[in-house]
């Protein structure tokens, strides 16, 4: 069995070209949402 399995992260559904940029943008959106919730209550 010389078949190598590669894990697919679903990059075909991503709007960003790189996974690193997608990770940073999702972190930024999470921080903005958390800040909004914190200031609202």
N, C-alpha and C. Protein backbone atom coordinates (compact mmCIF):
# COMPACT_ATOMS: atom_id res chain seq x y z
N UNK A 1 0.83 -1.18 0.00
CA UNK A 1 0.00 0.00 0.00
C UNK A 1 0.88 1.25 0.00
N UNK A 2 1.26 1.71 -1.14
CA UNK A 2 2.10 2.89 -1.25
C UNK A 2 1.26 4.15 -1.50
N UNK A 3 -0.03 4.01 -1.29
CA UNK A 3 -0.92 5.14 -1.53
C UNK A 3 -0.87 6.11 -0.34
N UNK A 4 -0.52 7.35 -0.62
CA UNK A 4 -0.41 8.34 0.45
C UNK A 4 -1.71 9.15 0.53
N UNK A 5 -2.27 9.20 1.74
CA UNK A 5 -3.53 9.92 1.92
C UNK A 5 -3.22 11.36 2.34
N UNK A 6 -3.89 12.29 1.69
CA UNK A 6 -3.70 13.70 1.98
C UNK A 6 -4.99 14.25 2.57
N UNK A 7 -4.87 14.95 3.67
CA UNK A 7 -6.05 15.51 4.33
C UNK A 7 -6.52 16.75 3.59
N UNK A 8 -7.79 16.77 3.26
CA UNK A 8 -8.37 17.89 2.54
C UNK A 8 -9.06 18.82 3.53
N UNK A 9 -8.61 20.07 3.58
CA UNK A 9 -9.19 21.05 4.50
C UNK A 9 -10.39 21.74 3.91
N UNK A 10 -10.81 21.39 2.72
CA UNK A 10 -11.94 22.04 2.09
C UNK A 10 -11.56 23.38 1.50
N UNK A 11 -10.36 23.48 0.96
CA UNK A 11 -9.88 24.75 0.42
C UNK A 11 -10.66 25.19 -0.81
N UNK A 12 -11.39 24.28 -1.43
CA UNK A 12 -12.16 24.64 -2.61
C UNK A 12 -13.32 25.57 -2.24
N UNK A 13 -13.74 25.54 -0.99
CA UNK A 13 -14.85 26.37 -0.55
C UNK A 13 -14.37 27.71 0.01
N UNK A 14 -13.07 27.89 0.10
CA UNK A 14 -12.51 29.10 0.70
C UNK A 14 -12.53 30.26 -0.28
N UNK A 15 -12.74 31.48 0.26
CA UNK A 15 -12.70 32.68 -0.58
C UNK A 15 -11.31 33.28 -0.59
N UNK A 16 -10.42 32.77 0.24
CA UNK A 16 -9.06 33.28 0.30
C UNK A 16 -8.12 32.33 -0.42
N UNK A 17 -7.00 32.86 -0.90
CA UNK A 17 -6.06 32.05 -1.63
C UNK A 17 -5.20 31.18 -0.73
N UNK A 18 -4.93 31.66 0.48
CA UNK A 18 -4.05 30.91 1.37
C UNK A 18 -4.77 30.58 2.67
N UNK A 19 -4.40 29.46 3.26
CA UNK A 19 -5.00 29.06 4.53
C UNK A 19 -4.59 30.00 5.65
N UNK A 20 -3.37 30.54 5.58
CA UNK A 20 -2.89 31.43 6.64
C UNK A 20 -3.72 32.71 6.69
N UNK A 21 -4.03 33.28 5.53
CA UNK A 21 -4.86 34.49 5.49
C UNK A 21 -6.26 34.19 5.99
N UNK A 22 -6.78 33.03 5.65
CA UNK A 22 -8.11 32.65 6.10
C UNK A 22 -8.13 32.50 7.63
N UNK A 23 -7.07 31.91 8.19
CA UNK A 23 -7.00 31.75 9.64
C UNK A 23 -6.95 33.11 10.34
N UNK A 24 -6.14 34.04 9.83
CA UNK A 24 -6.04 35.35 10.45
C UNK A 24 -7.35 36.13 10.33
N UNK A 25 -8.02 36.02 9.20
CA UNK A 25 -9.28 36.74 9.03
C UNK A 25 -10.37 36.17 9.94
N UNK A 26 -10.41 34.86 10.10
CA UNK A 26 -11.41 34.27 10.99
C UNK A 26 -11.12 34.66 12.44
N UNK A 27 -9.84 34.75 12.81
CA UNK A 27 -9.49 35.21 14.15
C UNK A 27 -9.91 36.66 14.35
N UNK A 28 -9.68 37.50 13.36
CA UNK A 28 -10.06 38.91 13.46
C UNK A 28 -11.58 39.06 13.58
N UNK A 29 -12.35 38.31 12.79
CA UNK A 29 -13.80 38.39 12.88
C UNK A 29 -14.29 37.91 14.25
N UNK A 30 -13.66 36.87 14.78
CA UNK A 30 -14.06 36.37 16.10
C UNK A 30 -13.79 37.42 17.17
N UNK A 31 -12.66 38.13 17.08
CA UNK A 31 -12.36 39.17 18.06
C UNK A 31 -13.33 40.34 17.94
N UNK A 32 -13.69 40.70 16.71
CA UNK A 32 -14.66 41.79 16.52
C UNK A 32 -16.02 41.43 17.09
N UNK A 33 -16.46 40.20 16.86
CA UNK A 33 -17.74 39.75 17.39
C UNK A 33 -17.69 39.71 18.91
N UNK A 34 -16.60 39.21 19.48
CA UNK A 34 -16.47 39.15 20.93
C UNK A 34 -16.47 40.55 21.54
N UNK A 35 -15.78 41.50 20.91
CA UNK A 35 -15.76 42.87 21.39
C UNK A 35 -17.16 43.49 21.30
N UNK A 36 -17.87 43.22 20.22
CA UNK A 36 -19.22 43.74 20.09
C UNK A 36 -20.15 43.21 21.15
N UNK A 37 -20.06 41.92 21.45
CA UNK A 37 -20.88 41.33 22.49
C UNK A 37 -20.51 41.90 23.86
N UNK A 38 -19.21 42.10 24.09
CA UNK A 38 -18.74 42.64 25.37
C UNK A 38 -19.24 44.07 25.59
N UNK A 39 -19.22 44.87 24.52
CA UNK A 39 -19.66 46.27 24.66
C UNK A 39 -21.18 46.40 24.70
N UNK A 40 -21.88 45.44 24.13
CA UNK A 40 -23.34 45.51 24.09
C UNK A 40 -23.96 45.17 25.45
N UNK A 41 -23.28 44.39 26.26
CA UNK A 41 -23.86 43.97 27.55
C UNK A 41 -23.07 44.48 28.72
